[in-house]
N, C-alpha and C. Protein backbone atom coordinates (compact mmCIF):
# COMPACT_ATOMS: atom_id res chain seq x y z
N MET A 1 0.83 -1.17 0.00
CA MET A 1 0.00 0.00 0.00
C MET A 1 0.88 1.23 0.00
N PRO A 2 0.58 2.18 -0.84
CA PRO A 2 1.40 3.39 -0.89
C PRO A 2 1.22 4.24 0.35
N ALA A 3 2.23 5.02 0.66
CA ALA A 3 2.15 5.92 1.82
C ALA A 3 1.12 7.01 1.58
N THR A 4 1.05 7.51 0.36
CA THR A 4 0.06 8.53 -0.01
C THR A 4 -0.41 8.29 -1.43
N LEU A 5 -1.56 8.83 -1.74
CA LEU A 5 -2.10 8.84 -3.10
C LEU A 5 -2.70 10.21 -3.35
N ASP A 6 -1.85 11.21 -3.43
CA ASP A 6 -2.27 12.59 -3.60
C ASP A 6 -3.15 12.71 -4.85
N PRO A 7 -4.31 13.25 -4.81
CA PRO A 7 -5.04 13.89 -3.72
C PRO A 7 -6.10 12.99 -3.07
N TYR A 8 -5.99 11.69 -3.24
CA TYR A 8 -7.05 10.78 -2.78
C TYR A 8 -6.86 10.23 -1.38
N TYR A 9 -5.63 10.12 -0.92
CA TYR A 9 -5.41 9.53 0.39
C TYR A 9 -4.08 9.99 0.98
N TRP A 10 -4.13 10.37 2.25
CA TRP A 10 -2.93 10.61 3.05
C TRP A 10 -3.15 9.95 4.40
N PRO A 11 -2.08 9.42 5.01
CA PRO A 11 -2.22 8.97 6.40
C PRO A 11 -2.43 10.21 7.28
N LEU A 12 -2.76 10.00 8.52
CA LEU A 12 -3.05 11.13 9.42
C LEU A 12 -1.93 12.14 9.52
N ASP A 13 -0.69 11.69 9.41
CA ASP A 13 0.44 12.61 9.55
C ASP A 13 0.91 13.19 8.22
N GLY A 14 0.15 13.01 7.15
CA GLY A 14 0.58 13.49 5.84
C GLY A 14 -0.44 14.42 5.20
N GLY A 15 0.02 15.15 4.19
CA GLY A 15 -0.87 16.05 3.45
C GLY A 15 -1.45 17.13 4.33
N SER A 16 -2.32 17.92 3.75
CA SER A 16 -3.03 18.96 4.50
C SER A 16 -4.38 18.40 4.92
N PRO A 17 -4.57 18.16 6.20
CA PRO A 17 -5.82 17.55 6.65
C PRO A 17 -7.00 18.52 6.50
N PRO A 18 -8.20 17.99 6.57
CA PRO A 18 -9.38 18.87 6.54
C PRO A 18 -9.27 19.93 7.64
N PRO A 19 -9.85 21.10 7.40
CA PRO A 19 -9.74 22.18 8.39
C PRO A 19 -10.48 21.88 9.70
N GLU A 20 -11.50 21.05 9.64
CA GLU A 20 -12.27 20.69 10.83
C GLU A 20 -11.65 19.44 11.46
N PRO A 21 -11.79 19.26 12.77
CA PRO A 21 -11.27 18.04 13.41
C PRO A 21 -12.07 16.81 12.97
N PRO A 22 -11.49 15.64 13.10
CA PRO A 22 -12.21 14.42 12.70
C PRO A 22 -13.42 14.18 13.61
N PRO A 23 -14.37 13.42 13.10
CA PRO A 23 -15.56 13.14 13.91
C PRO A 23 -15.20 12.33 15.16
N ALA A 24 -15.82 12.67 16.26
CA ALA A 24 -15.57 11.98 17.52
C ALA A 24 -16.17 10.58 17.48
N GLY A 25 -15.53 9.68 18.20
CA GLY A 25 -16.07 8.34 18.35
C GLY A 25 -15.73 7.37 17.23
N HIS A 26 -14.88 7.78 16.30
CA HIS A 26 -14.49 6.90 15.20
C HIS A 26 -12.96 6.81 15.14
N ARG A 27 -12.47 5.64 14.77
CA ARG A 27 -11.03 5.49 14.54
C ARG A 27 -10.73 6.04 13.15
N VAL A 28 -9.82 7.00 13.08
CA VAL A 28 -9.48 7.65 11.83
C VAL A 28 -8.34 6.91 11.16
N ILE A 29 -8.51 6.57 9.88
CA ILE A 29 -7.53 5.82 9.11
C ILE A 29 -6.61 6.76 8.30
N GLY A 30 -7.16 7.88 7.86
CA GLY A 30 -6.44 8.83 7.02
C GLY A 30 -7.41 9.90 6.55
N HIS A 31 -7.03 10.61 5.50
CA HIS A 31 -7.89 11.67 4.96
C HIS A 31 -7.57 11.92 3.50
N ASP A 32 -8.41 12.72 2.85
CA ASP A 32 -8.16 13.11 1.47
C ASP A 32 -8.04 14.63 1.33
N GLY A 33 -7.85 15.31 2.44
CA GLY A 33 -7.74 16.76 2.43
C GLY A 33 -9.06 17.46 2.68
N THR A 34 -10.16 16.78 2.43
CA THR A 34 -11.49 17.32 2.65
C THR A 34 -12.26 16.49 3.67
N ALA A 35 -12.11 15.19 3.58
CA ALA A 35 -12.84 14.26 4.45
C ALA A 35 -11.87 13.29 5.11
N TYR A 36 -12.32 12.72 6.21
CA TYR A 36 -11.55 11.71 6.92
C TYR A 36 -12.07 10.32 6.55
N PHE A 37 -11.17 9.36 6.44
CA PHE A 37 -11.55 7.96 6.30
C PHE A 37 -11.61 7.41 7.72
N VAL A 38 -12.79 6.95 8.11
CA VAL A 38 -12.99 6.48 9.47
C VAL A 38 -13.59 5.08 9.47
N GLU A 39 -13.28 4.36 10.53
CA GLU A 39 -13.89 3.06 10.76
C GLU A 39 -15.14 3.32 11.61
N VAL A 40 -16.29 2.90 11.10
CA VAL A 40 -17.53 3.10 11.84
C VAL A 40 -17.84 1.86 12.68
N ALA A 41 -18.90 1.92 13.45
CA ALA A 41 -19.21 0.89 14.45
C ALA A 41 -19.25 -0.53 13.90
N ASP A 42 -19.71 -0.70 12.67
CA ASP A 42 -19.80 -2.06 12.10
C ASP A 42 -18.51 -2.52 11.44
N GLY A 43 -17.44 -1.72 11.55
CA GLY A 43 -16.15 -2.09 10.99
C GLY A 43 -15.93 -1.62 9.57
N THR A 44 -16.96 -1.05 8.94
CA THR A 44 -16.79 -0.56 7.57
C THR A 44 -16.02 0.77 7.60
N ILE A 45 -15.50 1.14 6.43
CA ILE A 45 -14.77 2.39 6.28
C ILE A 45 -15.66 3.37 5.51
N SER A 46 -15.77 4.56 6.05
CA SER A 46 -16.54 5.62 5.39
C SER A 46 -15.67 6.86 5.26
N SER A 47 -16.01 7.69 4.30
CA SER A 47 -15.42 9.00 4.14
C SER A 47 -16.39 9.99 4.76
N VAL A 48 -15.90 10.75 5.76
CA VAL A 48 -16.76 11.68 6.48
C VAL A 48 -16.18 13.09 6.37
N ASN A 49 -16.97 13.99 5.82
CA ASN A 49 -16.57 15.38 5.73
C ASN A 49 -17.01 16.06 7.03
N PRO A 50 -16.07 16.47 7.89
CA PRO A 50 -16.45 17.04 9.18
C PRO A 50 -17.19 18.38 9.06
N ALA A 51 -17.00 19.09 7.97
CA ALA A 51 -17.71 20.36 7.78
C ALA A 51 -19.16 20.12 7.38
N SER A 52 -19.45 18.92 6.89
CA SER A 52 -20.79 18.56 6.46
C SER A 52 -21.03 17.10 6.79
N PRO A 53 -21.35 16.79 8.05
CA PRO A 53 -21.47 15.40 8.49
C PRO A 53 -22.46 14.56 7.66
N LEU A 54 -23.41 15.21 7.01
CA LEU A 54 -24.34 14.46 6.16
C LEU A 54 -23.66 14.00 4.88
N ASP A 55 -22.50 14.59 4.59
CA ASP A 55 -21.72 14.22 3.41
C ASP A 55 -20.80 13.05 3.77
N THR A 56 -21.42 11.91 4.11
CA THR A 56 -20.72 10.69 4.48
C THR A 56 -20.89 9.69 3.36
N CYS A 57 -19.80 8.99 3.04
CA CYS A 57 -19.81 8.11 1.89
C CYS A 57 -19.17 6.77 2.24
N PHE A 58 -19.85 5.68 1.90
CA PHE A 58 -19.29 4.34 2.12
C PHE A 58 -18.05 4.17 1.24
N VAL A 59 -16.99 3.56 1.80
CA VAL A 59 -15.76 3.33 1.04
C VAL A 59 -15.51 1.82 0.88
N ASN A 60 -15.32 1.11 1.98
CA ASN A 60 -15.02 -0.33 1.93
C ASN A 60 -15.64 -1.04 3.14
N THR A 61 -15.69 -2.37 3.05
CA THR A 61 -16.29 -3.15 4.13
C THR A 61 -15.37 -3.34 5.33
N SER A 62 -14.08 -3.04 5.19
CA SER A 62 -13.14 -3.15 6.31
C SER A 62 -11.87 -2.37 5.99
N GLU A 63 -11.04 -2.17 7.01
CA GLU A 63 -9.76 -1.50 6.78
C GLU A 63 -8.88 -2.34 5.86
N HIS A 64 -8.91 -3.65 6.04
CA HIS A 64 -8.13 -4.54 5.18
C HIS A 64 -8.53 -4.34 3.71
N HIS A 65 -9.82 -4.29 3.44
CA HIS A 65 -10.29 -4.10 2.06
C HIS A 65 -9.93 -2.71 1.55
N PHE A 66 -9.99 -1.72 2.44
CA PHE A 66 -9.63 -0.36 2.06
C PHE A 66 -8.16 -0.30 1.63
N LEU A 67 -7.28 -0.87 2.43
CA LEU A 67 -5.86 -0.84 2.10
C LEU A 67 -5.56 -1.63 0.83
N ALA A 68 -6.21 -2.77 0.65
CA ALA A 68 -6.02 -3.55 -0.58
C ALA A 68 -6.52 -2.77 -1.79
N SER A 69 -7.64 -2.08 -1.64
CA SER A 69 -8.20 -1.29 -2.75
C SER A 69 -7.29 -0.11 -3.09
N LEU A 70 -6.74 0.54 -2.08
CA LEU A 70 -5.79 1.63 -2.33
C LEU A 70 -4.56 1.10 -3.08
N GLY A 71 -4.09 -0.08 -2.69
CA GLY A 71 -2.95 -0.68 -3.38
C GLY A 71 -3.25 -0.96 -4.83
N ALA A 72 -4.44 -1.49 -5.11
CA ALA A 72 -4.84 -1.77 -6.50
C ALA A 72 -4.93 -0.47 -7.30
N PHE A 73 -5.46 0.57 -6.67
CA PHE A 73 -5.55 1.88 -7.32
C PHE A 73 -4.16 2.42 -7.63
N SER A 74 -3.27 2.34 -6.64
CA SER A 74 -1.91 2.82 -6.83
C SER A 74 -1.21 2.10 -7.97
N ASP A 75 -1.42 0.79 -8.06
CA ASP A 75 -0.79 -0.02 -9.11
C ASP A 75 -1.23 0.39 -10.51
N ARG A 76 -2.44 0.91 -10.64
CA ARG A 76 -3.01 1.22 -11.96
C ARG A 76 -3.10 2.72 -12.26
N ARG A 77 -2.82 3.54 -11.28
CA ARG A 77 -3.05 4.97 -11.44
C ARG A 77 -2.31 5.59 -12.62
N ALA A 78 -1.05 5.29 -12.78
CA ALA A 78 -0.29 5.88 -13.89
C ALA A 78 -0.92 5.51 -15.22
N ALA A 79 -1.32 4.26 -15.38
CA ALA A 79 -1.96 3.83 -16.63
C ALA A 79 -3.31 4.52 -16.80
N MET A 80 -4.06 4.70 -15.70
CA MET A 80 -5.36 5.35 -15.78
C MET A 80 -5.23 6.81 -16.22
N GLU A 81 -4.08 7.41 -15.95
CA GLU A 81 -3.84 8.80 -16.32
C GLU A 81 -3.02 8.93 -17.60
N SER A 82 -2.88 7.82 -18.31
CA SER A 82 -2.12 7.81 -19.56
C SER A 82 -2.81 8.67 -20.62
N SER A 83 -2.01 9.28 -21.48
CA SER A 83 -2.58 10.03 -22.61
C SER A 83 -3.06 9.09 -23.72
N ASP A 84 -2.67 7.83 -23.63
CA ASP A 84 -3.14 6.82 -24.58
C ASP A 84 -4.52 6.33 -24.10
N LEU A 85 -5.56 6.70 -24.83
CA LEU A 85 -6.93 6.42 -24.43
C LEU A 85 -7.18 4.94 -24.17
N GLU A 86 -6.66 4.09 -25.02
CA GLU A 86 -6.87 2.65 -24.84
C GLU A 86 -6.22 2.15 -23.55
N VAL A 87 -5.02 2.62 -23.28
CA VAL A 87 -4.32 2.24 -22.04
C VAL A 87 -5.12 2.72 -20.83
N ALA A 88 -5.58 3.96 -20.88
CA ALA A 88 -6.33 4.53 -19.75
C ALA A 88 -7.64 3.77 -19.53
N LEU A 89 -8.38 3.50 -20.58
CA LEU A 89 -9.65 2.76 -20.45
C LEU A 89 -9.41 1.36 -19.91
N ASP A 90 -8.40 0.69 -20.42
CA ASP A 90 -8.08 -0.65 -19.94
C ASP A 90 -7.73 -0.64 -18.45
N ALA A 91 -6.99 0.38 -18.02
CA ALA A 91 -6.59 0.47 -16.61
C ALA A 91 -7.80 0.74 -15.71
N VAL A 92 -8.71 1.60 -16.15
CA VAL A 92 -9.91 1.87 -15.37
C VAL A 92 -10.75 0.60 -15.24
N GLN A 93 -10.91 -0.12 -16.36
CA GLN A 93 -11.68 -1.36 -16.30
C GLN A 93 -10.97 -2.42 -15.46
N SER A 94 -9.67 -2.46 -15.53
CA SER A 94 -8.90 -3.39 -14.72
C SER A 94 -9.10 -3.10 -13.23
N LEU A 95 -9.07 -1.81 -12.86
CA LEU A 95 -9.30 -1.45 -11.47
C LEU A 95 -10.73 -1.79 -11.06
N ARG A 96 -11.69 -1.54 -11.90
CA ARG A 96 -13.08 -1.86 -11.59
C ARG A 96 -13.22 -3.37 -11.30
N HIS A 97 -12.61 -4.20 -12.13
CA HIS A 97 -12.67 -5.65 -11.92
C HIS A 97 -11.95 -6.05 -10.63
N GLU A 98 -10.81 -5.44 -10.38
CA GLU A 98 -10.06 -5.77 -9.17
C GLU A 98 -10.81 -5.35 -7.91
N LEU A 99 -11.44 -4.17 -7.94
CA LEU A 99 -12.22 -3.73 -6.78
C LEU A 99 -13.41 -4.66 -6.55
N ASN A 100 -14.05 -5.11 -7.62
CA ASN A 100 -15.14 -6.08 -7.48
C ASN A 100 -14.64 -7.38 -6.86
N ARG A 101 -13.44 -7.79 -7.22
CA ARG A 101 -12.86 -9.01 -6.67
C ARG A 101 -12.50 -8.82 -5.20
N LEU A 102 -11.92 -7.67 -4.87
CA LEU A 102 -11.46 -7.42 -3.51
C LEU A 102 -12.61 -7.16 -2.53
N ASP A 103 -13.60 -6.39 -2.97
CA ASP A 103 -14.65 -5.93 -2.06
C ASP A 103 -15.84 -5.45 -2.89
N ILE A 104 -16.65 -6.38 -3.34
CA ILE A 104 -17.73 -6.06 -4.28
C ILE A 104 -18.65 -4.95 -3.76
N ALA A 105 -18.79 -4.83 -2.45
CA ALA A 105 -19.67 -3.81 -1.88
C ALA A 105 -19.19 -2.39 -2.18
N CYS A 106 -17.89 -2.21 -2.42
CA CYS A 106 -17.37 -0.85 -2.61
C CYS A 106 -17.87 -0.21 -3.90
N LEU A 107 -18.37 -1.01 -4.83
CA LEU A 107 -18.93 -0.46 -6.05
C LEU A 107 -20.43 -0.71 -6.14
N GLY A 108 -21.04 -1.07 -5.01
CA GLY A 108 -22.45 -1.46 -4.99
C GLY A 108 -23.44 -0.34 -5.21
N ASP A 109 -22.99 0.89 -5.16
CA ASP A 109 -23.88 2.03 -5.34
C ASP A 109 -23.08 3.14 -6.03
N ARG A 110 -23.73 3.87 -6.91
CA ARG A 110 -23.03 4.94 -7.65
C ARG A 110 -22.49 6.04 -6.73
N ASP A 111 -23.04 6.13 -5.51
CA ASP A 111 -22.59 7.15 -4.58
C ASP A 111 -21.46 6.69 -3.67
N HIS A 112 -21.06 5.43 -3.77
CA HIS A 112 -19.95 4.95 -2.96
C HIS A 112 -18.65 5.59 -3.45
N TRP A 113 -17.72 5.77 -2.53
CA TRP A 113 -16.48 6.51 -2.80
C TRP A 113 -15.73 5.97 -4.02
N TRP A 114 -15.53 4.65 -4.07
CA TRP A 114 -14.78 4.09 -5.20
C TRP A 114 -15.52 4.26 -6.52
N ALA A 115 -16.83 4.14 -6.52
CA ALA A 115 -17.61 4.34 -7.74
C ALA A 115 -17.46 5.77 -8.25
N VAL A 116 -17.45 6.72 -7.32
CA VAL A 116 -17.27 8.12 -7.70
C VAL A 116 -15.88 8.35 -8.30
N ILE A 117 -14.86 7.76 -7.70
CA ILE A 117 -13.49 7.89 -8.22
C ILE A 117 -13.41 7.33 -9.64
N LEU A 118 -13.93 6.13 -9.85
CA LEU A 118 -13.89 5.53 -11.18
C LEU A 118 -14.68 6.36 -12.19
N ASP A 119 -15.84 6.86 -11.78
CA ASP A 119 -16.63 7.73 -12.67
C ASP A 119 -15.85 8.97 -13.08
N ARG A 120 -15.12 9.55 -12.14
CA ARG A 120 -14.32 10.75 -12.45
C ARG A 120 -13.26 10.43 -13.51
N TYR A 121 -12.62 9.29 -13.35
CA TYR A 121 -11.61 8.91 -14.34
C TYR A 121 -12.26 8.65 -15.70
N GLU A 122 -13.36 7.94 -15.71
CA GLU A 122 -14.04 7.66 -16.98
C GLU A 122 -14.55 8.93 -17.63
N ASP A 123 -15.09 9.86 -16.84
CA ASP A 123 -15.58 11.12 -17.38
C ASP A 123 -14.47 12.00 -17.92
N GLY A 124 -13.28 11.85 -17.37
CA GLY A 124 -12.14 12.66 -17.81
C GLY A 124 -11.49 12.16 -19.09
N LEU A 125 -11.91 10.97 -19.54
CA LEU A 125 -11.33 10.43 -20.76
C LEU A 125 -12.09 10.97 -21.97
N PRO A 126 -11.37 11.23 -23.05
CA PRO A 126 -12.05 11.75 -24.25
C PRO A 126 -12.99 10.74 -24.88
């Protein structure tokens, strides 16, 4: 797992954290500069924006799945950002398949964090 994935993930001691403190009562895994990745009561990982607590987004079913998913993203990120459209599309689809294999729930809804990330990459392709 990479130490950081600017601008998608930093550990607690990295990057510029959100201006608001993390939500109380949750174990904080890291942040993306706007929201904190927290472990909620059922063990799942959510992205919580402390400035807008209703802006909470499911990420993964566990910390283990979150770290594995970040690793898969890191492995494919350069290809996903390739100027070669075919390479970029293949990498996005490869990550989608890998995330489904690692933690199918993370793509179970269009509003889930990983689904939003993949949509952004797909929308950015010509």
